[in-house]
Amino acid sequence: MEMYLISDNVDTYTGMRLAGVDGVVVHQRDELKEALDNVLLRKEVGIILITEKFSREFPEVIDDVKLNRKLPLIVEIPDRHGTGRKPDFITAYINEAIGLKL
């Protein structure tokens, strides 16, 4: 099973290429949709790495794949600027999920 990167910047793409992960750099919604459609046709791809920026800007495109397909798994990764999440996002997520304040 292979991984494939869909990134919004060349630096993340270059770093992943050095690690042996193939991918593409896109910037617009239609480019993202086209890249996803192309990689979904490849049965050998089991994990799609996607930068957090796309999940924030185009959640409907990403969520459609997450909700309607078992494979490939979509994993959101931070880009070279770091994560866009708040420092306590895990605690907040747990609080929201189970209703307990930690």
C-alpha atoms as a PDB file:
ATOM      1  CA  MET A   1       0.000   0.000   0.000  1.00  0.00           C
ATOM      2  CA  GLU A   2       1.300   3.432  -0.928  1.00  0.00           C
ATOM      3  CA  MET A   3       0.930   6.935   0.441  1.00  0.00           C
ATOM      4  CA  TYR A   4       0.185   9.944  -1.729  1.00  0.00           C
ATOM      5  CA  LEU A   5       0.483  13.632  -0.809  1.00  0.00           C
ATOM      6  CA  ILE A   6      -1.805  16.455  -1.872  1.00  0.00           C
ATOM      7  CA  SER A   7      -0.146  19.663  -0.685  1.00  0.00           C
ATOM      8  CA  ASP A   8      -0.677  23.371  -1.002  1.00  0.00           C
ATOM      9  CA  ASN A   9       3.016  24.225  -0.911  1.00  0.00           C
ATOM     10  CA  VAL A  10       6.207  23.059  -2.567  1.00  0.00           C
ATOM     11  CA  ASP A  11       8.197  22.746   0.677  1.00  0.00           C
ATOM     12  CA  THR A  12       5.932  20.054   2.114  1.00  0.00           C
ATOM     13  CA  TYR A  13       5.890  18.291  -1.242  1.00  0.00           C
ATOM     14  CA  THR A  14       9.706  18.373  -1.468  1.00  0.00           C
ATOM     15  CA  GLY A  15      10.117  17.001   2.049  1.00  0.00           C
ATOM     16  CA  MET A  16       7.716  14.150   1.396  1.00  0.00           C
ATOM     17  CA  ARG A  17       9.388  13.358  -1.938  1.00  0.00           C
ATOM     18  CA  LEU A  18      12.688  13.027  -0.079  1.00  0.00           C
ATOM     19  CA  ALA A  19      10.936  10.488   2.170  1.00  0.00           C
ATOM     20  CA  GLY A  20       9.741   8.563  -0.892  1.00  0.00           C
ATOM     21  CA  VAL A  21       6.124   9.749  -0.967  1.00  0.00           C
ATOM     22  CA  ASP A  22       4.762  10.757  -4.365  1.00  0.00           C
ATOM     23  CA  GLY A  23       2.325  13.641  -4.615  1.00  0.00           C
ATOM     24  CA  VAL A  24       1.122  16.817  -6.206  1.00  0.00           C
ATOM     25  CA  VAL A  25       0.938  20.529  -5.349  1.00  0.00           C
ATOM     26  CA  VAL A  26      -2.425  22.230  -5.919  1.00  0.00           C
ATOM     27  CA  HIS A  27      -3.877  25.559  -4.848  1.00  0.00           C
ATOM     28  CA  GLN A  28      -7.523  25.852  -5.954  1.00  0.00           C
ATOM     29  CA  ARG A  29     -10.668  23.897  -5.071  1.00  0.00           C
ATOM     30  CA  ASP A  30     -11.072  22.494  -8.587  1.00  0.00           C
ATOM     31  CA  GLU A  31      -7.418  21.378  -8.634  1.00  0.00           C
ATOM     32  CA  LEU A  32      -7.908  19.654  -5.273  1.00  0.00           C
ATOM     33  CA  LYS A  33     -11.037  17.878  -6.527  1.00  0.00           C
ATOM     34  CA  GLU A  34      -9.250  16.745  -9.696  1.00  0.00           C
ATOM     35  CA  ALA A  35      -6.212  15.497  -7.732  1.00  0.00           C
ATOM     36  CA  LEU A  36      -8.464  13.556  -5.348  1.00  0.00           C
ATOM     37  CA  ASP A  37     -10.433  12.030  -8.219  1.00  0.00           C
ATOM     38  CA  ASN A  38      -7.186  10.937  -9.907  1.00  0.00           C
ATOM     39  CA  VAL A  39      -5.678   9.371  -6.790  1.00  0.00           C
ATOM     40  CA  LEU A  40      -8.938   7.594  -5.904  1.00  0.00           C
ATOM     41  CA  LEU A  41      -8.612   5.670  -9.161  1.00  0.00           C
ATOM     42  CA  ARG A  42      -5.262   4.249  -8.015  1.00  0.00           C
ATOM     43  CA  LYS A  43      -6.008   1.075  -6.038  1.00  0.00           C
ATOM     44  CA  GLU A  44      -2.446   0.858  -4.689  1.00  0.00           C
ATOM     45  CA  VAL A  45      -2.855   4.123  -2.703  1.00  0.00           C
ATOM     46  CA  GLY A  46      -4.048   3.345   0.823  1.00  0.00           C
ATOM     47  CA  ILE A  47      -3.283   6.647   2.553  1.00  0.00           C
ATOM     48  CA  ILE A  48      -3.718  10.166   1.231  1.00  0.00           C
ATOM     49  CA  LEU A  49      -1.751  12.789   3.132  1.00  0.00           C
ATOM     50  CA  ILE A  50      -3.362  16.204   2.822  1.00  0.00           C
ATOM     51  CA  THR A  51      -2.291  19.504   4.353  1.00  0.00           C
ATOM     52  CA  GLU A  52      -4.519  20.976   7.063  1.00  0.00           C
ATOM     53  CA  LYS A  53      -5.144  24.078   4.976  1.00  0.00           C
ATOM     54  CA  PHE A  54      -7.291  22.082   2.539  1.00  0.00           C
ATOM     55  CA  SER A  55      -9.353  20.600   5.346  1.00  0.00           C
ATOM     56  CA  ARG A  56     -10.058  24.078   6.688  1.00  0.00           C
ATOM     57  CA  GLU A  57     -10.760  25.709   3.317  1.00  0.00           C
ATOM     58  CA  PHE A  58     -12.575  22.895   1.479  1.00  0.00           C
ATOM     59  CA  PRO A  59     -14.080  20.587   4.129  1.00  0.00           C
ATOM     60  CA  GLU A  60     -16.918  19.469   1.853  1.00  0.00           C
ATOM     61  CA  VAL A  61     -14.468  17.972  -0.663  1.00  0.00           C
ATOM     62  CA  ILE A  62     -12.432  16.144   1.984  1.00  0.00           C
ATOM     63  CA  ASP A  63     -15.425  15.018   4.066  1.00  0.00           C
ATOM     64  CA  ASP A  64     -17.106  13.523   1.004  1.00  0.00           C
ATOM     65  CA  VAL A  65     -14.202  11.102   0.590  1.00  0.00           C
ATOM     66  CA  LYS A  66     -13.916  10.412   4.337  1.00  0.00           C
ATOM     67  CA  LEU A  67     -17.609   9.635   4.742  1.00  0.00           C
ATOM     68  CA  ASN A  68     -18.275   7.697   1.552  1.00  0.00           C
ATOM     69  CA  ARG A  69     -15.178   5.487   1.212  1.00  0.00           C
ATOM     70  CA  LYS A  70     -13.394   3.007   3.433  1.00  0.00           C
ATOM     71  CA  LEU A  71     -10.136   3.402   1.543  1.00  0.00           C
ATOM     72  CA  PRO A  72      -7.993   5.325   1.112  1.00  0.00           C
ATOM     73  CA  LEU A  73      -7.557   6.794   4.560  1.00  0.00           C
ATOM     74  CA  ILE A  74      -7.151  10.585   4.547  1.00  0.00           C
ATOM     75  CA  VAL A  75      -4.654  11.927   7.070  1.00  0.00           C
ATOM     76  CA  GLU A  76      -4.362  15.669   7.643  1.00  0.00           C
ATOM     77  CA  ILE A  77      -0.818  16.866   8.217  1.00  0.00           C
ATOM     78  CA  PRO A  78       0.547  20.278   9.191  1.00  0.00           C
ATOM     79  CA  ASP A  79       2.460  22.167   6.537  1.00  0.00           C
ATOM     80  CA  ARG A  80       5.794  23.945   6.936  1.00  0.00           C
ATOM     81  CA  HIS A  81       4.121  26.712   8.964  1.00  0.00           C
ATOM     82  CA  GLY A  82       3.079  24.245  11.642  1.00  0.00           C
ATOM     83  CA  THR A  83      -0.330  23.159  12.743  1.00  0.00           C
ATOM     84  CA  GLY A  84      -3.353  25.405  12.546  1.00  0.00           C
ATOM     85  CA  ARG A  85      -4.828  23.838  15.656  1.00  0.00           C
ATOM     86  CA  LYS A  86      -5.013  25.384  19.085  1.00  0.00           C
ATOM     87  CA  PRO A  87      -2.428  24.103  21.577  1.00  0.00           C
ATOM     88  CA  ASP A  88      -5.122  22.331  23.642  1.00  0.00           C
ATOM     89  CA  PHE A  89      -7.060  20.824  20.730  1.00  0.00           C
ATOM     90  CA  ILE A  90      -6.788  17.247  22.061  1.00  0.00           C
ATOM     91  CA  THR A  91      -8.204  18.183  25.457  1.00  0.00           C
ATOM     92  CA  ALA A  92     -10.984  20.213  23.848  1.00  0.00           C
ATOM     93  CA  TYR A  93     -11.793  17.308  21.516  1.00  0.00           C
ATOM     94  CA  ILE A  94     -12.044  14.869  24.450  1.00  0.00           C
ATOM     95  CA  ASN A  95     -14.159  17.322  26.450  1.00  0.00           C
ATOM     96  CA  GLU A  96     -16.548  17.672  23.539  1.00  0.00           C
ATOM     97  CA  ALA A  97     -16.637  13.951  22.772  1.00  0.00           C
ATOM     98  CA  ILE A  98     -17.339  12.608  26.258  1.00  0.00           C
ATOM     99  CA  GLY A  99     -18.809  15.665  27.951  1.00  0.00           C
ATOM    100  CA  LEU A 100     -16.291  15.732  30.785  1.00  0.00           C
ATOM    101  CA  LYS A 101     -14.029  18.602  31.617  1.00  0.00           C
ATOM    102  CA  LEU A 102     -10.451  17.433  32.042  1.00  0.00           C
END
